[in-house]
Amino acid sequence: MSRQLGEDLIYEILSVVEEIPEGRVATYGQIARLIGRERNARLVGKALSVADMYGDFPCHRVVNHAGRLAPGWDDQRRLLMMEGVPMKDDSHVDLKKCRWDEDCKYINEK
């Protein structure tokens, strides 16, 4: 693991991911902001890529700033659709309808 991405940071990121409710999504940048690393969205993505080594976390609920799903992860769309997450197209969620508000409120109600 790189010096920048130690286990403490991975667990901090995963603890935020664990809070995303079913049927909602968060962005990499949103998670980075919540852990006090506003400009480190890519670091969040890197941590999520190794999340399976640390337990079972709902990483499928994290998308990029435009709502795009992770390239090459075919199950992400299926998992989100099973939770009722609205899609704009085959590779983007509708962030206006399903983005999680980290204050445990929804940014937009369904």
C-alpha atoms as a PDB file:
ATOM      1  CA  MET A   1       0.000   0.000   0.000  1.00  0.00           C
ATOM      2  CA  SER A   2       1.349   3.446  -0.826  1.00  0.00           C
ATOM      3  CA  ARG A   3       2.405   5.804   1.917  1.00  0.00           C
ATOM      4  CA  GLN A   4      -0.454   8.145   1.005  1.00  0.00           C
ATOM      5  CA  LEU A   5      -3.052   5.365   1.214  1.00  0.00           C
ATOM      6  CA  GLY A   6      -2.481   3.660   4.527  1.00  0.00           C
ATOM      7  CA  GLU A   7      -4.888   1.336   6.292  1.00  0.00           C
ATOM      8  CA  ASP A   8      -6.187   4.073   8.603  1.00  0.00           C
ATOM      9  CA  LEU A   9      -7.184   6.168   5.596  1.00  0.00           C
ATOM     10  CA  ILE A  10      -8.772   3.185   3.857  1.00  0.00           C
ATOM     11  CA  TYR A  11     -10.879   2.440   6.935  1.00  0.00           C
ATOM     12  CA  GLU A  12     -11.847   6.113   7.204  1.00  0.00           C
ATOM     13  CA  ILE A  13     -13.036   6.094   3.587  1.00  0.00           C
ATOM     14  CA  LEU A  14     -14.857   2.788   4.002  1.00  0.00           C
ATOM     15  CA  SER A  15     -16.598   4.005   7.150  1.00  0.00           C
ATOM     16  CA  VAL A  16     -18.152   6.812   5.087  1.00  0.00           C
ATOM     17  CA  VAL A  17     -19.094   4.426   2.270  1.00  0.00           C
ATOM     18  CA  GLU A  18     -20.763   2.181   4.839  1.00  0.00           C
ATOM     19  CA  GLU A  19     -23.120   5.070   5.746  1.00  0.00           C
ATOM     20  CA  ILE A  20     -24.535   5.510   2.225  1.00  0.00           C
ATOM     21  CA  PRO A  21     -28.122   4.248   2.440  1.00  0.00           C
ATOM     22  CA  GLU A  22     -29.573   1.683   0.081  1.00  0.00           C
ATOM     23  CA  GLY A  23     -31.048   3.344  -2.995  1.00  0.00           C
ATOM     24  CA  ARG A  24     -28.697   6.345  -2.794  1.00  0.00           C
ATOM     25  CA  VAL A  25     -25.254   7.126  -4.204  1.00  0.00           C
ATOM     26  CA  ALA A  26     -22.351   9.392  -3.277  1.00  0.00           C
ATOM     27  CA  THR A  27     -19.534  10.712  -5.419  1.00  0.00           C
ATOM     28  CA  TYR A  28     -15.820  10.115  -4.949  1.00  0.00           C
ATOM     29  CA  GLY A  29     -15.366  13.841  -4.359  1.00  0.00           C
ATOM     30  CA  GLN A  30     -18.137  13.936  -1.790  1.00  0.00           C
ATOM     31  CA  ILE A  31     -16.441  11.180   0.206  1.00  0.00           C
ATOM     32  CA  ALA A  32     -13.062  12.921  -0.104  1.00  0.00           C
ATOM     33  CA  ARG A  33     -14.615  16.119   1.260  1.00  0.00           C
ATOM     34  CA  LEU A  34     -16.188  14.255   4.184  1.00  0.00           C
ATOM     35  CA  ILE A  35     -12.827  12.873   5.302  1.00  0.00           C
ATOM     36  CA  GLY A  36     -11.149  16.274   5.008  1.00  0.00           C
ATOM     37  CA  ARG A  37      -9.304  15.586   1.750  1.00  0.00           C
ATOM     38  CA  GLU A  38     -11.386  17.668  -0.607  1.00  0.00           C
ATOM     39  CA  ARG A  39      -9.047  17.360  -3.581  1.00  0.00           C
ATOM     40  CA  ASN A  40      -8.405  13.623  -3.304  1.00  0.00           C
ATOM     41  CA  ALA A  41     -11.308  11.977  -5.122  1.00  0.00           C
ATOM     42  CA  ARG A  42      -8.889   9.663  -6.959  1.00  0.00           C
ATOM     43  CA  LEU A  43      -7.497   8.506  -3.638  1.00  0.00           C
ATOM     44  CA  VAL A  44     -11.029   7.486  -2.657  1.00  0.00           C
ATOM     45  CA  GLY A  45     -11.315   5.488  -5.882  1.00  0.00           C
ATOM     46  CA  LYS A  46      -8.022   3.763  -5.168  1.00  0.00           C
ATOM     47  CA  ALA A  47      -9.181   2.820  -1.662  1.00  0.00           C
ATOM     48  CA  LEU A  48     -12.443   1.428  -3.022  1.00  0.00           C
ATOM     49  CA  SER A  49     -10.529  -0.706  -5.510  1.00  0.00           C
ATOM     50  CA  VAL A  50      -9.032  -2.663  -2.591  1.00  0.00           C
ATOM     51  CA  ALA A  51     -12.095  -2.559  -0.322  1.00  0.00           C
ATOM     52  CA  ASP A  52     -12.792  -6.280  -0.675  1.00  0.00           C
ATOM     53  CA  MET A  53      -9.581  -6.917   1.304  1.00  0.00           C
ATOM     54  CA  TYR A  54     -11.153  -5.129   4.288  1.00  0.00           C
ATOM     55  CA  GLY A  55     -14.666  -6.536   4.374  1.00  0.00           C
ATOM     56  CA  ASP A  56     -18.002  -6.178   2.657  1.00  0.00           C
ATOM     57  CA  PHE A  57     -18.792  -2.543   1.860  1.00  0.00           C
ATOM     58  CA  PRO A  58     -21.388  -1.045  -0.528  1.00  0.00           C
ATOM     59  CA  CYS A  59     -18.789   0.405  -2.895  1.00  0.00           C
ATOM     60  CA  HIS A  60     -21.263   0.067  -5.757  1.00  0.00           C
ATOM     61  CA  ARG A  61     -22.997   3.155  -4.307  1.00  0.00           C
ATOM     62  CA  VAL A  62     -20.086   5.418  -5.264  1.00  0.00           C
ATOM     63  CA  VAL A  63     -19.984   7.098  -8.684  1.00  0.00           C
ATOM     64  CA  ASN A  64     -18.070   9.958 -10.271  1.00  0.00           C
ATOM     65  CA  HIS A  65     -19.154  13.612 -10.185  1.00  0.00           C
ATOM     66  CA  ALA A  66     -21.331  13.173 -13.278  1.00  0.00           C
ATOM     67  CA  GLY A  67     -23.017  10.023 -11.977  1.00  0.00           C
ATOM     68  CA  ARG A  68     -20.974   7.734 -14.221  1.00  0.00           C
ATOM     69  CA  LEU A  69     -20.525   4.162 -13.119  1.00  0.00           C
ATOM     70  CA  ALA A  70     -17.059   2.656 -12.730  1.00  0.00           C
ATOM     71  CA  PRO A  71     -15.778   1.482 -16.125  1.00  0.00           C
ATOM     72  CA  GLY A  72     -15.370  -2.273 -16.360  1.00  0.00           C
ATOM     73  CA  TRP A  73     -17.524  -3.064 -13.322  1.00  0.00           C
ATOM     74  CA  ASP A  74     -20.593  -4.596 -14.948  1.00  0.00           C
ATOM     75  CA  ASP A  75     -22.204  -5.629 -11.654  1.00  0.00           C
ATOM     76  CA  GLN A  76     -22.368  -2.062 -10.361  1.00  0.00           C
ATOM     77  CA  ARG A  77     -25.331  -1.152 -12.570  1.00  0.00           C
ATOM     78  CA  ARG A  78     -27.185  -4.346 -11.657  1.00  0.00           C
ATOM     79  CA  LEU A  79     -26.623  -3.807  -7.919  1.00  0.00           C
ATOM     80  CA  LEU A  80     -27.812  -0.206  -8.094  1.00  0.00           C
ATOM     81  CA  MET A  81     -30.881  -1.115 -10.121  1.00  0.00           C
ATOM     82  CA  MET A  82     -31.770  -3.818  -7.570  1.00  0.00           C
ATOM     83  CA  GLU A  83     -31.789  -1.026  -4.960  1.00  0.00           C
ATOM     84  CA  GLY A  84     -34.057   1.153  -7.096  1.00  0.00           C
ATOM     85  CA  VAL A  85     -31.453   3.750  -8.055  1.00  0.00           C
ATOM     86  CA  PRO A  86     -32.767   5.681 -11.090  1.00  0.00           C
ATOM     87  CA  MET A  87     -30.542   5.637 -14.165  1.00  0.00           C
ATOM     88  CA  LYS A  88     -30.179   8.388 -16.785  1.00  0.00           C
ATOM     89  CA  ASP A  89     -28.726   5.902 -19.275  1.00  0.00           C
ATOM     90  CA  ASP A  90     -26.771   2.626 -19.247  1.00  0.00           C
ATOM     91  CA  SER A  91     -23.715   4.149 -17.583  1.00  0.00           C
ATOM     92  CA  HIS A  92     -24.998   7.060 -15.470  1.00  0.00           C
ATOM     93  CA  VAL A  93     -27.201   7.296 -12.393  1.00  0.00           C
ATOM     94  CA  ASP A  94     -29.588  10.228 -12.058  1.00  0.00           C
ATOM     95  CA  LEU A  95     -27.787  12.177  -9.325  1.00  0.00           C
ATOM     96  CA  LYS A  96     -30.638  14.674  -9.042  1.00  0.00           C
ATOM     97  CA  LYS A  97     -32.891  11.873  -7.830  1.00  0.00           C
ATOM     98  CA  CYS A  98     -30.562   9.647  -5.825  1.00  0.00           C
ATOM     99  CA  ARG A  99     -27.586  11.557  -4.464  1.00  0.00           C
ATOM    100  CA  TRP A 100     -27.026  11.010  -0.755  1.00  0.00           C
ATOM    101  CA  ASP A 101     -26.831  13.983   1.550  1.00  0.00           C
ATOM    102  CA  GLU A 102     -24.210  13.119   4.133  1.00  0.00           C
ATOM    103  CA  ASP A 103     -26.233  14.875   6.840  1.00  0.00           C
ATOM    104  CA  CYS A 104     -28.566  11.864   6.569  1.00  0.00           C
ATOM    105  CA  LYS A 105     -31.041  13.847   4.529  1.00  0.00           C
ATOM    106  CA  TYR A 106     -31.664  13.431   0.854  1.00  0.00           C
ATOM    107  CA  ILE A 107     -30.624  16.173  -1.505  1.00  0.00           C
ATOM    108  CA  ASN A 108     -33.704  15.523  -3.614  1.00  0.00           C
ATOM    109  CA  GLU A 109     -36.609  13.372  -2.580  1.00  0.00           C
ATOM    110  CA  LYS A 110     -37.742  10.664  -4.952  1.00  0.00           C
END
